[in-house]
Every structure is written in C-alpha cells, then in structure tokens.
Amino acid sequence: MDTISEGWLQFLFVAVPVLSLVGAWMGLRTAGRLAERRQHDINKKKVDELE
C-alpha cells in the first residue's frame, strides 16, 4: 500500500482546520442573528400587550 503524499498531508492539515473555523464562524453568526430576532419578537410582543 502506498503512503499518502506530503502535498496531500499538508493540504489536509491546512484545509480541515480552516473549514472547521469557517463552519464555526458561520454557525455562531447564524445563532447570533436568531437570538437578535427572538429578542426583537419578544420585545414586540411586550409592546403589543401594553397597548
């Protein structure tokens, strides 16, 4: 069985962590937007109830 080439190892050692960071960043950005929207909806309900 042939061993994996050095170029592929370097690619994997760079690509996997970078893609992981990008995925985590996108997830946190989405979670922040959802939290903002949820807070906005809660505040809107409170204002509507007061009227």
PDB file of N, CA and C in Angstrom:
ATOM      1  N   MET A   1       0.841  -1.184   0.000  1.00  0.00           N
ATOM      2  CA  MET A   1       0.000   0.000   0.000  1.00  0.00           C
ATOM      3  C   MET A   1       0.882   1.242   0.000  1.00  0.00           C
ATOM      4  N   ASP A   2       0.563   2.192  -0.892  1.00  0.00           N
ATOM      5  CA  ASP A   2       1.351   3.421  -0.970  1.00  0.00           C
ATOM      6  C   ASP A   2       1.001   4.348   0.181  1.00  0.00           C
ATOM      7  N   THR A   3       1.987   5.129   0.597  1.00  0.00           N
ATOM      8  CA  THR A   3       1.715   6.125   1.636  1.00  0.00           C
ATOM      9  C   THR A   3       1.164   7.391   0.987  1.00  0.00           C
ATOM     10  N   ILE A   4       0.491   8.177   1.781  1.00  0.00           N
ATOM     11  CA  ILE A   4      -0.102   9.425   1.284  1.00  0.00           C
ATOM     12  C   ILE A   4       1.030  10.434   1.031  1.00  0.00           C
ATOM     13  N   SER A   5       0.900  11.177  -0.044  1.00  0.00           N
ATOM     14  CA  SER A   5       1.977  12.097  -0.408  1.00  0.00           C
ATOM     15  C   SER A   5       2.037  13.288   0.554  1.00  0.00           C
ATOM     16  N   GLU A   6       3.196  13.898   0.607  1.00  0.00           N
ATOM     17  CA  GLU A   6       3.410  15.029   1.511  1.00  0.00           C
ATOM     18  C   GLU A   6       2.503  16.208   1.160  1.00  0.00           C
ATOM     19  N   GLY A   7       2.263  16.419  -0.122  1.00  0.00           N
ATOM     20  CA  GLY A   7       1.377  17.512  -0.541  1.00  0.00           C
ATOM     21  C   GLY A   7      -0.039  17.346  -0.018  1.00  0.00           C
ATOM     22  N   TRP A   8      -0.542  16.111  -0.083  1.00  0.00           N
ATOM     23  CA  TRP A   8      -1.892  15.859   0.422  1.00  0.00           C
ATOM     24  C   TRP A   8      -1.952  16.035   1.935  1.00  0.00           C
ATOM     25  N   LEU A   9      -0.912  15.596   2.630  1.00  0.00           N
ATOM     26  CA  LEU A   9      -0.882  15.776   4.088  1.00  0.00           C
ATOM     27  C   LEU A   9      -0.897  17.257   4.448  1.00  0.00           C
ATOM     28  N   GLN A  10      -0.105  18.053   3.747  1.00  0.00           N
ATOM     29  CA  GLN A  10      -0.080  19.490   4.025  1.00  0.00           C
ATOM     30  C   GLN A  10      -1.445  20.106   3.742  1.00  0.00           C
ATOM     31  N   PHE A  11      -2.061  19.686   2.631  1.00  0.00           N
ATOM     32  CA  PHE A  11      -3.393  20.191   2.292  1.00  0.00           C
ATOM     33  C   PHE A  11      -4.396  19.857   3.395  1.00  0.00           C
ATOM     34  N   LEU A  12      -4.376  18.610   3.851  1.00  0.00           N
ATOM     35  CA  LEU A  12      -5.324  18.197   4.889  1.00  0.00           C
ATOM     36  C   LEU A  12      -5.081  18.922   6.208  1.00  0.00           C
ATOM     37  N   PHE A  13      -3.816  19.109   6.553  1.00  0.00           N
ATOM     38  CA  PHE A  13      -3.506  19.791   7.813  1.00  0.00           C
ATOM     39  C   PHE A  13      -3.872  21.272   7.776  1.00  0.00           C
ATOM     40  N   VAL A  14      -4.025  21.835   6.585  1.00  0.00           N
ATOM     41  CA  VAL A  14      -4.442  23.233   6.466  1.00  0.00           C
ATOM     42  C   VAL A  14      -5.939  23.327   6.199  1.00  0.00           C
ATOM     43  N   ALA A  15      -6.445  22.536   5.267  1.00  0.00           N
ATOM     44  CA  ALA A  15      -7.841  22.658   4.833  1.00  0.00           C
ATOM     45  C   ALA A  15      -8.826  22.264   5.927  1.00  0.00           C
ATOM     46  N   VAL A  16      -8.563  21.194   6.635  1.00  0.00           N
ATOM     47  CA  VAL A  16      -9.517  20.730   7.646  1.00  0.00           C
ATOM     48  C   VAL A  16      -9.700  21.759   8.770  1.00  0.00           C
ATOM     49  N   PRO A  17      -8.638  22.281   9.363  1.00  0.00           N
ATOM     50  CA  PRO A  17      -8.855  23.303  10.405  1.00  0.00           C
ATOM     51  C   PRO A  17      -9.491  24.589   9.866  1.00  0.00           C
ATOM     52  N   VAL A  18      -9.120  24.999   8.665  1.00  0.00           N
ATOM     53  CA  VAL A  18      -9.700  26.223   8.098  1.00  0.00           C
ATOM     54  C   VAL A  18     -11.188  26.032   7.867  1.00  0.00           C
ATOM     55  N   LEU A  19     -11.585  24.911   7.277  1.00  0.00           N
ATOM     56  CA  LEU A  19     -13.002  24.649   7.058  1.00  0.00           C
ATOM     57  C   LEU A  19     -13.759  24.536   8.377  1.00  0.00           C
ATOM     58  N   SER A  20     -13.118  23.996   9.387  1.00  0.00           N
ATOM     59  CA  SER A  20     -13.737  23.905  10.702  1.00  0.00           C
ATOM     60  C   SER A  20     -13.971  25.296  11.288  1.00  0.00           C
ATOM     61  N   LEU A  21     -12.980  26.166  11.164  1.00  0.00           N
ATOM     62  CA  LEU A  21     -13.142  27.537  11.666  1.00  0.00           C
ATOM     63  C   LEU A  21     -14.223  28.287  10.915  1.00  0.00           C
ATOM     64  N   VAL A  22     -14.258  28.119   9.596  1.00  0.00           N
ATOM     65  CA  VAL A  22     -15.285  28.784   8.789  1.00  0.00           C
ATOM     66  C   VAL A  22     -16.670  28.279   9.196  1.00  0.00           C
ATOM     67  N   GLY A  23     -16.813  26.979   9.381  1.00  0.00           N
ATOM     68  CA  GLY A  23     -18.099  26.423   9.799  1.00  0.00           C
ATOM     69  C   GLY A  23     -18.525  26.927  11.169  1.00  0.00           C
ATOM     70  N   ALA A  24     -17.592  27.003  12.100  1.00  0.00           N
ATOM     71  CA  ALA A  24     -17.914  27.512  13.434  1.00  0.00           C
ATOM     72  C   ALA A  24     -18.315  28.979  13.367  1.00  0.00           C
ATOM     73  N   TRP A  25     -17.600  29.767  12.572  1.00  0.00           N
ATOM     74  CA  TRP A  25     -17.923  31.185  12.419  1.00  0.00           C
ATOM     75  C   TRP A  25     -19.324  31.363  11.830  1.00  0.00           C
ATOM     76  N   MET A  26     -19.647  30.579  10.796  1.00  0.00           N
ATOM     77  CA  MET A  26     -20.971  30.690  10.177  1.00  0.00           C
ATOM     78  C   MET A  26     -22.069  30.280  11.158  1.00  0.00           C
ATOM     79  N   GLY A  27     -21.815  29.248  11.939  1.00  0.00           N
ATOM     80  CA  GLY A  27     -22.798  28.808  12.925  1.00  0.00           C
ATOM     81  C   GLY A  27     -23.033  29.843  14.004  1.00  0.00           C
ATOM     82  N   LEU A  28     -21.957  30.449  14.498  1.00  0.00           N
ATOM     83  CA  LEU A  28     -22.104  31.478  15.528  1.00  0.00           C
ATOM     84  C   LEU A  28     -22.806  32.716  14.978  1.00  0.00           C
ATOM     85  N   ARG A  29     -22.517  33.062  13.734  1.00  0.00           N
ATOM     86  CA  ARG A  29     -23.175  34.215  13.108  1.00  0.00           C
ATOM     87  C   ARG A  29     -24.675  33.967  12.980  1.00  0.00           C
ATOM     88  N   THR A  30     -25.037  32.760  12.568  1.00  0.00           N
ATOM     89  CA  THR A  30     -26.449  32.403  12.443  1.00  0.00           C
ATOM     90  C   THR A  30     -27.126  32.391  13.809  1.00  0.00           C
ATOM     91  N   ALA A  31     -26.462  31.833  14.804  1.00  0.00           N
ATOM     92  CA  ALA A  31     -27.032  31.790  16.155  1.00  0.00           C
ATOM     93  C   ALA A  31     -27.242  33.204  16.691  1.00  0.00           C
ATOM     94  N   GLY A  32     -26.312  34.107  16.414  1.00  0.00           N
ATOM     95  CA  GLY A  32     -26.463  35.493  16.856  1.00  0.00           C
ATOM     96  C   GLY A  32     -27.640  36.171  16.197  1.00  0.00           C
ATOM     97  N   ARG A  33     -27.814  35.925  14.910  1.00  0.00           N
ATOM     98  CA  ARG A  33     -28.956  36.520  14.203  1.00  0.00           C
ATOM     99  C   ARG A  33     -30.271  35.982  14.744  1.00  0.00           C
ATOM    100  N   LEU A  34     -30.326  34.682  15.009  1.00  0.00           N
ATOM    101  CA  LEU A  34     -31.552  34.095  15.549  1.00  0.00           C
ATOM    102  C   LEU A  34     -31.859  34.658  16.934  1.00  0.00           C
ATOM    103  N   ALA A  35     -30.832  34.850  17.745  1.00  0.00           N
ATOM    104  CA  ALA A  35     -31.034  35.412  19.083  1.00  0.00           C
ATOM    105  C   ALA A  35     -31.549  36.841  18.997  1.00  0.00           C
ATOM    106  N   GLU A  36     -30.990  37.628  18.075  1.00  0.00           N
ATOM    107  CA  GLU A  36     -31.472  39.002  17.890  1.00  0.00           C
ATOM    108  C   GLU A  36     -32.929  39.014  17.461  1.00  0.00           C
ATOM    109  N   ARG A  37     -33.270  38.159  16.502  1.00  0.00           N
ATOM    110  CA  ARG A  37     -34.645  38.107  16.011  1.00  0.00           C
ATOM    111  C   ARG A  37     -35.597  37.685  17.123  1.00  0.00           C
ATOM    112  N   ARG A  38     -35.187  36.685  17.914  1.00  0.00           N
ATOM    113  CA  ARG A  38     -36.029  36.217  19.005  1.00  0.00           C
ATOM    114  C   ARG A  38     -36.247  37.331  20.036  1.00  0.00           C
ATOM    115  N   GLN A  39     -35.188  38.061  20.358  1.00  0.00           N
ATOM    116  CA  GLN A  39     -35.309  39.152  21.331  1.00  0.00           C
ATOM    117  C   GLN A  39     -36.204  40.250  20.777  1.00  0.00           C
ATOM    118  N   HIS A  40     -36.075  40.538  19.481  1.00  0.00           N
ATOM    119  CA  HIS A  40     -36.922  41.553  18.847  1.00  0.00           C
ATOM    120  C   HIS A  40     -38.391  41.132  18.916  1.00  0.00           C
ATOM    121  N   ASP A  41     -38.672  39.853  18.644  1.00  0.00           N
ATOM    122  CA  ASP A  41     -40.051  39.356  18.701  1.00  0.00           C
ATOM    123  C   ASP A  41     -40.609  39.428  20.114  1.00  0.00           C
ATOM    124  N   ILE A  42     -39.783  39.110  21.102  1.00  0.00           N
ATOM    125  CA  ILE A  42     -40.222  39.170  22.497  1.00  0.00           C
ATOM    126  C   ILE A  42     -40.552  40.614  22.872  1.00  0.00           C
ATOM    127  N   ASN A  43     -39.667  41.536  22.499  1.00  0.00           N
ATOM    128  CA  ASN A  43     -39.911  42.950  22.809  1.00  0.00           C
ATOM    129  C   ASN A  43     -41.163  43.463  22.111  1.00  0.00           C
ATOM    130  N   LYS A  44     -41.378  43.037  20.877  1.00  0.00           N
ATOM    131  CA  LYS A  44     -42.559  43.461  20.127  1.00  0.00           C
ATOM    132  C   LYS A  44     -43.831  42.944  20.792  1.00  0.00           C
ATOM    133  N   LYS A  45     -43.807  41.701  21.277  1.00  0.00           N
ATOM    134  CA  LYS A  45     -44.975  41.145  21.963  1.00  0.00           C
ATOM    135  C   LYS A  45     -45.284  41.934  23.225  1.00  0.00           C
ATOM    136  N   LYS A  46     -44.245  42.299  23.967  1.00  0.00           N
ATOM    137  CA  LYS A  46     -44.448  43.062  25.201  1.00  0.00           C
ATOM    138  C   LYS A  46     -45.069  44.410  24.893  1.00  0.00           C
ATOM    139  N   VAL A  47     -44.615  45.065  23.857  1.00  0.00           N
ATOM    140  CA  VAL A  47     -45.181  46.364  23.487  1.00  0.00           C
ATOM    141  C   VAL A  47     -46.624  46.211  23.046  1.00  0.00           C
ATOM    142  N   ASP A  48     -46.911  45.167  22.273  1.00  0.00           N
ATOM    143  CA  ASP A  48     -48.281  44.916  21.821  1.00  0.00           C
ATOM    144  C   ASP A  48     -49.218  44.624  22.978  1.00  0.00           C
ATOM    145  N   GLU A  49     -48.718  43.912  23.998  1.00  0.00           N
ATOM    146  CA  GLU A  49     -49.540  43.605  25.162  1.00  0.00           C
ATOM    147  C   GLU A  49     -49.855  44.853  25.978  1.00  0.00           C
ATOM    148  N   LEU A  50     -48.936  45.792  26.003  1.00  0.00           N
ATOM    149  CA  LEU A  50     -49.137  47.021  26.770  1.00  0.00           C
ATOM    150  C   LEU A  50     -50.159  47.956  26.119  1.00  0.00           C
ATOM    151  N   GLU A  51     -50.317  47.825  24.814  1.00  0.00           N
ATOM    152  CA  GLU A  51     -51.236  48.724  24.104  1.00  0.00           C
ATOM    153  C   GLU A  51     -52.663  48.318  24.257  1.00  0.00           C
TER     154      GLU A  51
END
